[in-house]
Amino acid sequence: MGARATDADRVGPVSAVVCNYNGERYLPACLDALLALEGGVDEILVVDNASEDDSLALLAERYANVRVIALSSNDGPARARNEGMRAARNRFVLAVDNDAVVRPDLLVKLKAAASSRPDAVIVQPRSVFLHEPTRVHYDGGSFHYVGLIALRNFYTPLESAQGSGVLDVDVAVSVCLLVDRDTVLAAGGYDEVYFILFEDLDLSYRLRAAGHAILSVEDAIVLHDAGTDGVSFREGKRYPASRVFYHSRNRWVFLLKCLRWRTLSVSLPGLVAYELVGFLFAVVKGGTFAWVRGKWAVLRHLGRLARDRAAVQRARRVPDRALLIGGPMTVTPALAEGGGARSVLAVLDAFLRGWWRIARRLSG
């Protein structure tokens, strides 16, 4: 599907891996864009998470040259991405979600950035909304000490988005990533316990703490469609209960696994403040039971978390204080609609920033 690269190219041939679940409506645009990439990819794999729609029939009928890995159960995008990386025949993998549509020059730009930085293990494009391509959706971000991503340029008009060229970032968002498969899998790959949400935050933190670099190529563009049914949220009043559950559980899985005990202890006032606001939000959105189930699920994972935590700390080369920041706390604009919600979020953000100015000096 693509030409072999020269010896001067660190990246070499690239495998494209598409993570799919019930993506029949997304796959044609996603795959057609991959097939049209300048320079081409060496192969395309679709890892299907036991889709219940006609995804597999579509692939068999229209994309005979695409290799399909049909999983027997839906264990989330974390497992699908890992399976795709393991099955790919090339070290560098373009990992793409099924609702992502790449621009033709994307791969050329990502490969050039990766080749220029031997320490880079993930290179990401800038993600814009498919139906509003003049507005940024995801552009990487930083690690907020309460266990969130402080997103860059989130919902910002493209013309006023900050940054140009190739930039170092801390967090890569798994819409579309060029990945050094060998290094990522050696670091444990995506942690499959997350199922969905926070899995890219976790992977990014482990890689950055181990001393690896993550890059963002600001003029490489991927168009992002509607997301995962039942989990993704962009607008409207109904907030998915499943998202409340995964946020309630996965945020604490990340914190307990990745941050040092000293960091957690000095961050406690900020963590408690965020937790209280998160609980009130869940109550208002009708997700109280989902929030409680999330916390109970964290307790059930404590044994595994202890083992995983030890591995993260053994591989660490960079301290928490060099990675974590105190703000901004970025939320989907629809969640901040109304004067009351904006006021609460503004007060919380100010408190979290203020406390981190104190806690950072004492963190691990």
Protein backbone atom coordinates (compact mmCIF):
# COMPACT_ATOMS: atom_id res chain seq x y z
CA MET A 1 0.00 0.00 0.00
CA GLY A 2 2.97 2.33 0.41
CA ALA A 3 6.58 2.76 -0.60
CA ARG A 4 9.48 1.72 1.63
CA ALA A 5 11.28 4.56 3.36
CA THR A 6 14.94 5.48 3.00
CA ASP A 7 17.58 4.50 5.55
CA ALA A 8 17.70 8.13 6.71
CA ASP A 9 14.09 7.87 7.86
CA ARG A 10 13.95 6.72 11.48
CA VAL A 11 10.32 5.73 11.16
CA GLY A 12 10.35 3.48 8.09
CA PRO A 13 7.15 1.85 6.82
CA VAL A 14 4.04 2.46 8.90
CA SER A 15 1.14 0.18 9.79
CA ALA A 16 -2.26 1.82 10.26
CA VAL A 17 -4.41 0.30 13.01
CA VAL A 18 -8.07 1.29 13.31
CA CYS A 19 -9.94 0.65 16.56
CA ASN A 20 -13.59 -0.12 15.80
CA TYR A 21 -16.78 -0.81 17.71
CA ASN A 22 -20.13 -0.44 15.94
CA GLY A 23 -18.47 1.99 13.55
CA GLU A 24 -20.21 1.01 10.32
CA ARG A 25 -21.18 4.63 9.70
CA TYR A 26 -17.64 5.87 10.38
CA LEU A 27 -15.44 3.29 8.69
CA PRO A 28 -15.77 4.32 5.01
CA ALA A 29 -14.59 7.88 5.63
CA CYS A 30 -11.84 6.70 7.99
CA LEU A 31 -10.48 3.98 5.70
CA ASP A 32 -10.80 5.95 2.47
CA ALA A 33 -8.74 8.74 4.05
CA LEU A 34 -6.06 6.26 5.18
CA LEU A 35 -5.87 4.82 1.67
CA ALA A 36 -5.40 8.32 0.28
CA LEU A 37 -2.49 9.28 2.55
CA GLU A 38 0.51 10.79 0.79
CA GLY A 39 3.35 8.27 0.85
CA GLY A 40 0.91 5.57 1.84
CA VAL A 41 0.85 3.10 4.71
CA ASP A 42 2.36 -0.37 4.50
CA GLU A 43 -0.78 -2.08 5.76
CA ILE A 44 -4.15 -1.32 7.33
CA LEU A 45 -5.56 -3.38 10.19
CA VAL A 46 -9.00 -2.96 11.71
CA VAL A 47 -9.37 -4.34 15.23
CA ASP A 48 -13.07 -4.94 15.79
CA ASN A 49 -14.40 -5.06 19.35
CA ALA A 50 -17.21 -7.57 18.72
CA SER A 51 -19.34 -5.03 16.84
CA GLU A 52 -23.08 -5.63 16.79
CA ASP A 53 -23.67 -3.64 13.58
CA ASP A 54 -22.59 -4.54 10.03
CA SER A 55 -18.99 -3.34 10.41
CA LEU A 56 -17.50 -6.74 9.52
CA ALA A 57 -19.78 -7.19 6.52
CA LEU A 58 -18.84 -3.72 5.27
CA LEU A 59 -15.14 -4.50 5.61
CA ALA A 60 -15.49 -7.82 3.77
CA GLU A 61 -17.48 -6.25 0.95
CA ARG A 62 -15.63 -2.99 0.36
CA TYR A 63 -12.14 -3.32 1.89
CA ALA A 64 -10.79 -6.73 0.98
CA ASN A 65 -7.16 -5.57 1.34
CA VAL A 66 -7.70 -4.48 4.93
CA ARG A 67 -6.67 -7.04 7.55
CA VAL A 68 -9.38 -7.58 10.15
CA ILE A 69 -8.77 -8.76 13.71
CA ALA A 70 -12.17 -9.71 15.08
CA LEU A 71 -12.14 -9.88 18.88
CA SER A 72 -14.66 -12.11 20.59
CA SER A 73 -15.71 -9.51 23.16
CA ASN A 74 -15.78 -5.76 23.57
CA ASP A 75 -13.05 -5.05 26.12
CA GLY A 76 -12.68 -1.42 25.13
CA PRO A 77 -10.34 0.59 22.91
CA ALA A 78 -7.36 0.05 25.23
CA ARG A 79 -7.25 -3.66 24.49
CA ALA A 80 -8.03 -3.16 20.78
CA ARG A 81 -5.15 -0.72 20.38
CA ASN A 82 -2.78 -3.12 22.14
CA GLU A 83 -3.88 -6.03 19.97
CA GLY A 84 -3.42 -3.92 16.86
CA MET A 85 0.08 -2.85 17.86
CA ARG A 86 1.09 -6.44 18.58
CA ALA A 87 -0.26 -7.67 15.23
CA ALA A 88 1.26 -4.87 13.12
CA ARG A 89 4.29 -5.86 11.10
CA ASN A 90 6.04 -2.49 11.51
CA ARG A 91 7.56 -0.77 14.49
CA PHE A 92 5.73 2.51 13.87
CA VAL A 93 1.95 2.37 13.97
CA LEU A 94 -0.58 5.02 13.01
CA ALA A 95 -3.26 4.28 15.61
CA VAL A 96 -6.60 5.72 14.50
CA ASP A 97 -10.06 5.68 16.05
CA ASN A 98 -12.84 4.75 13.66
CA ASP A 99 -14.37 8.26 13.81
CA ALA A 100 -11.14 9.97 12.72
CA VAL A 101 -10.58 11.21 9.16
CA VAL A 102 -6.96 12.08 8.38
CA ARG A 103 -5.89 14.81 5.97
CA PRO A 104 -3.74 13.53 3.04
CA ASP A 105 -0.48 15.12 4.25
CA LEU A 106 -0.84 14.00 7.88
CA LEU A 107 1.45 10.96 7.79
CA VAL A 108 4.26 12.78 5.96
CA LYS A 109 4.27 15.49 8.62
CA LEU A 110 4.09 13.09 11.57
CA LYS A 111 6.92 10.94 10.18
CA ALA A 112 9.12 13.98 9.62
CA ALA A 113 8.61 15.06 13.24
CA ALA A 114 9.29 11.57 14.60
CA SER A 115 12.44 11.26 12.48
CA SER A 116 13.78 14.54 13.81
CA ARG A 117 13.46 13.47 17.46
CA PRO A 118 14.88 10.05 18.44
CA ASP A 119 13.41 10.46 21.94
CA ALA A 120 9.84 10.84 20.64
CA VAL A 121 7.67 7.75 21.13
CA ILE A 122 4.30 9.33 20.25
CA VAL A 123 3.59 12.04 17.68
CA GLN A 124 0.08 13.44 17.40
CA PRO A 125 -1.71 15.71 14.94
CA ARG A 126 -4.08 18.50 15.88
CA SER A 127 -7.68 17.28 16.02
CA VAL A 128 -10.51 19.48 14.75
CA PHE A 129 -14.24 18.81 14.62
CA LEU A 130 -15.34 17.04 11.45
CA HIS A 131 -18.48 19.15 11.21
CA GLU A 132 -16.72 22.34 12.34
CA PRO A 133 -13.17 22.08 11.01
CA THR A 134 -12.37 25.66 11.97
CA ARG A 135 -12.45 24.71 15.68
CA VAL A 136 -9.92 22.65 17.62
CA HIS A 137 -11.15 19.61 19.52
CA TYR A 138 -7.97 18.03 20.92
CA ASP A 139 -4.45 19.36 20.75
CA GLY A 140 -2.69 17.49 23.53
CA GLY A 141 -2.31 18.90 26.99
CA SER A 142 -0.66 18.79 30.40
CA PHE A 143 -1.13 16.73 33.55
CA HIS A 144 -3.42 18.38 36.10
CA TYR A 145 -2.54 17.17 39.59
CA VAL A 146 -6.13 16.17 40.40
CA GLY A 147 -5.95 13.50 37.69
CA LEU A 148 -7.19 15.35 34.60
CA ILE A 149 -5.83 16.60 31.30
CA ALA A 150 -5.41 20.36 31.10
CA LEU A 151 -6.26 20.47 27.40
CA ARG A 152 -4.54 22.82 24.97
CA ASN A 153 -6.71 24.95 22.67
CA PHE A 154 -9.84 23.03 23.70
CA TYR A 155 -12.77 24.25 21.53
CA THR A 156 -10.63 27.18 20.39
CA PRO A 157 -11.14 28.61 16.86
CA LEU A 158 -8.35 27.26 14.70
CA GLU A 159 -7.26 30.73 13.59
CA SER A 160 -6.55 31.78 17.18
CA ALA A 161 -5.17 28.45 18.49
CA GLN A 162 -1.80 28.83 20.20
CA GLY A 163 1.26 26.96 18.96
CA SER A 164 2.88 26.26 15.63
CA GLY A 165 5.33 23.81 14.15
CA VAL A 166 6.35 20.79 16.23
CA LEU A 167 5.87 21.11 19.98
CA ASP A 168 6.63 19.01 23.03
CA VAL A 169 3.46 18.14 24.92
CA ASP A 170 2.83 15.93 27.93
CA VAL A 171 -0.45 14.25 27.03
CA ALA A 172 -1.42 12.67 23.72
CA VAL A 173 -5.14 12.16 23.05
CA SER A 174 -5.87 8.87 21.29
CA VAL A 175 -7.86 10.09 18.29
CA CYS A 176 -4.92 9.58 15.93
CA LEU A 177 -1.33 8.91 17.01
CA LEU A 178 1.90 7.84 15.36
CA VAL A 179 3.32 5.42 17.91
CA ASP A 180 6.67 3.73 18.42
CA ARG A 181 5.01 0.38 19.01
CA ASP A 182 8.05 -1.37 20.50
CA THR A 183 8.67 1.29 23.13
CA VAL A 184 5.00 1.69 24.02
CA LEU A 185 4.43 -2.05 24.44
CA ALA A 186 7.66 -2.39 26.43
CA ALA A 187 6.20 0.24 28.78
CA GLY A 188 3.06 -1.89 29.19
CA GLY A 189 0.93 -0.48 26.39
CA TYR A 190 -2.49 0.88 27.18
CA ASP A 191 -3.73 -0.27 30.58
CA GLU A 192 -6.80 -2.34 29.70
CA VAL A 193 -8.38 -1.93 33.13
CA TYR A 194 -9.58 1.54 32.06
CA PHE A 195 -11.75 0.13 29.24
CA ILE A 196 -12.31 3.69 27.97
CA LEU A 197 -11.47 7.21 29.24
CA PHE A 198 -8.17 8.10 30.95
CA GLU A 199 -6.28 5.32 29.17
CA ASP A 200 -4.36 7.85 27.07
CA LEU A 201 -3.67 10.04 30.12
CA ASP A 202 -2.25 6.99 31.92
CA LEU A 203 -0.06 5.92 29.00
CA SER A 204 1.21 9.45 28.45
CA TYR A 205 2.13 9.85 32.12
CA ARG A 206 4.02 6.58 32.28
CA LEU A 207 5.97 7.45 29.14
CA ARG A 208 6.78 10.98 30.25
CA ALA A 209 7.72 9.88 33.76
CA ALA A 210 10.11 7.36 32.19
CA GLY A 211 11.80 10.17 30.25
CA HIS A 212 10.26 9.74 26.78
CA ALA A 213 9.01 12.62 24.62
CA ILE A 214 5.57 13.21 23.10
CA LEU A 215 5.21 15.64 20.20
CA SER A 216 2.34 17.55 18.65
CA VAL A 217 2.49 18.60 15.00
CA GLU A 218 0.27 21.65 14.80
CA ASP A 219 -0.20 21.75 11.02
CA ALA A 220 -1.00 18.02 10.73
CA ILE A 221 -4.79 17.79 10.92
CA VAL A 222 -7.22 15.00 11.71
CA LEU A 223 -10.98 15.52 11.57
CA HIS A 224 -12.87 14.04 14.53
CA ASP A 225 -16.46 12.86 14.20
CA ALA A 226 -19.06 12.21 16.88
CA GLY A 227 -17.26 9.80 19.23
CA THR A 228 -18.45 6.68 21.05
CA ASP A 229 -22.19 6.23 21.53
CA GLY A 230 -23.20 6.15 25.19
CA VAL A 231 -19.87 7.53 26.43
CA SER A 232 -18.86 10.62 24.46
CA PHE A 233 -20.38 13.98 25.40
CA ARG A 234 -20.25 17.31 23.57
CA GLU A 235 -23.57 19.06 24.06
CA GLY A 236 -27.07 18.69 25.44
CA LYS A 237 -28.46 18.19 28.94
CA ARG A 238 -28.22 14.41 29.15
CA TYR A 239 -24.84 13.31 30.47
CA PRO A 240 -24.20 9.56 29.99
CA ALA A 241 -24.24 7.54 33.21
CA SER A 242 -21.50 5.34 31.79
CA ARG A 243 -19.26 8.38 31.50
CA VAL A 244 -19.94 9.27 35.14
CA PHE A 245 -18.91 5.73 36.12
CA TYR A 246 -15.71 5.65 34.08
CA HIS A 247 -14.71 9.12 35.24
CA SER A 248 -15.41 8.23 38.88
CA ARG A 249 -13.40 5.01 38.65
CA ASN A 250 -10.64 5.72 36.16
CA ARG A 251 -9.48 9.02 37.58
CA TRP A 252 -8.60 7.33 40.88
CA VAL A 253 -7.08 4.33 39.11
CA PHE A 254 -4.73 6.80 37.43
CA LEU A 255 -3.95 8.75 40.62
CA LEU A 256 -3.27 5.70 42.78
CA LYS A 257 -1.21 4.02 40.10
CA CYS A 258 0.92 6.87 38.76
CA LEU A 259 1.45 9.58 41.38
CA ARG A 260 3.82 9.21 44.31
CA TRP A 261 2.32 8.92 47.79
CA ARG A 262 3.96 12.16 48.82
CA THR A 263 2.35 13.95 45.89
CA LEU A 264 -1.07 12.53 46.73
CA SER A 265 -0.77 13.51 50.37
CA VAL A 266 0.19 17.15 49.75
CA SER A 267 -2.46 17.38 47.00
CA LEU A 268 -5.24 16.10 49.26
CA PRO A 269 -7.15 19.39 49.75
CA GLY A 270 -7.32 19.87 45.96
CA LEU A 271 -8.30 16.24 45.40
CA VAL A 272 -11.09 16.49 47.99
CA ALA A 273 -12.39 19.77 46.56
CA TYR A 274 -12.56 18.33 43.06
CA GLU A 275 -14.20 15.14 44.36
CA LEU A 276 -16.93 17.07 46.15
CA VAL A 277 -17.77 19.09 43.04
CA GLY A 278 -17.67 15.91 40.95
CA PHE A 279 -20.10 14.20 43.30
CA LEU A 280 -22.51 17.15 43.20
CA PHE A 281 -22.31 17.13 39.40
CA ALA A 282 -23.16 13.41 39.36
CA VAL A 283 -26.16 14.01 41.62
CA VAL A 284 -27.45 16.85 39.44
CA LYS A 285 -27.04 14.74 36.29
CA GLY A 286 -28.75 11.72 37.79
CA GLY A 287 -25.55 9.71 38.00
CA THR A 288 -25.23 9.22 41.77
CA PHE A 289 -25.32 5.41 41.58
CA ALA A 290 -22.83 5.41 38.70
CA TRP A 291 -20.47 7.61 40.75
CA VAL A 292 -20.70 5.27 43.75
CA ARG A 293 -20.16 2.20 41.56
CA GLY A 294 -17.04 3.85 40.19
CA LYS A 295 -15.54 4.30 43.63
CA TRP A 296 -16.43 0.73 44.62
CA ALA A 297 -14.72 -0.53 41.48
CA VAL A 298 -11.53 1.30 42.51
CA LEU A 299 -11.52 -0.62 45.78
CA ARG A 300 -11.85 -3.90 43.90
CA HIS A 301 -8.77 -3.04 41.84
CA LEU A 302 -6.50 -2.17 44.78
CA GLY A 303 -4.50 -5.40 44.62
CA ARG A 304 -3.65 -4.95 40.97
CA LEU A 305 -3.07 -1.24 41.43
CA ALA A 306 -0.40 -1.95 44.03
CA ARG A 307 1.50 -4.15 41.59
CA ASP A 308 1.10 -1.74 38.68
CA ARG A 309 2.10 1.19 40.89
CA ALA A 310 5.37 -0.51 41.82
CA ALA A 311 6.21 -0.99 38.14
CA VAL A 312 5.48 2.66 37.31
CA GLN A 313 7.67 3.93 40.11
CA ARG A 314 10.55 1.60 39.18
CA ALA A 315 10.53 2.96 35.62
CA ARG A 316 10.29 6.60 36.72
CA ARG A 317 13.02 9.05 35.72
CA VAL A 318 11.10 12.33 36.07
CA PRO A 319 9.49 13.50 39.37
CA ASP A 320 5.82 14.42 39.70
CA ARG A 321 6.63 18.06 40.36
CA ALA A 322 8.24 18.35 36.92
CA LEU A 323 5.16 16.94 35.18
CA LEU A 324 2.10 18.14 37.08
CA ILE A 325 0.44 21.56 36.86
CA GLY A 326 -2.34 23.29 38.78
CA GLY A 327 -4.54 24.50 35.92
CA PRO A 328 -6.42 25.33 33.88
CA MET A 329 -9.21 22.88 34.57
CA THR A 330 -10.78 22.40 31.14
CA VAL A 331 -14.33 21.12 30.73
CA THR A 332 -16.65 20.67 27.77
CA PRO A 333 -18.33 24.07 27.23
CA ALA A 334 -21.83 22.57 27.55
CA LEU A 335 -21.07 21.67 31.17
CA ALA A 336 -20.31 25.29 32.04
CA GLU A 337 -23.57 26.69 30.69
CA GLY A 338 -25.44 28.82 33.18
CA GLY A 339 -24.11 31.33 35.69
CA GLY A 340 -24.16 28.90 38.61
CA ALA A 341 -22.07 26.25 36.89
CA ARG A 342 -19.56 28.81 35.61
CA SER A 343 -19.17 30.31 39.07
CA VAL A 344 -18.60 26.95 40.75
CA LEU A 345 -16.03 25.94 38.15
CA ALA A 346 -14.24 29.29 38.38
CA VAL A 347 -13.98 29.05 42.17
CA LEU A 348 -12.81 25.45 41.99
CA ASP A 349 -10.20 26.27 39.33
CA ALA A 350 -8.88 29.20 41.39
CA PHE A 351 -8.63 27.03 44.52
CA LEU A 352 -6.87 24.19 42.68
CA ARG A 353 -4.35 26.58 41.15
CA GLY A 354 -3.70 28.25 44.49
CA TRP A 355 -3.24 25.03 46.39
CA TRP A 356 -0.82 23.62 43.81
CA ARG A 357 1.42 26.65 44.21
CA ILE A 358 1.88 25.47 47.78
CA ALA A 359 1.82 21.72 47.22
CA ARG A 360 4.18 21.58 44.24
CA ARG A 361 7.21 22.38 46.37
CA LEU A 362 6.41 19.45 48.65
CA SER A 363 5.39 16.92 45.99
CA GLY A 364 7.45 13.88 45.04
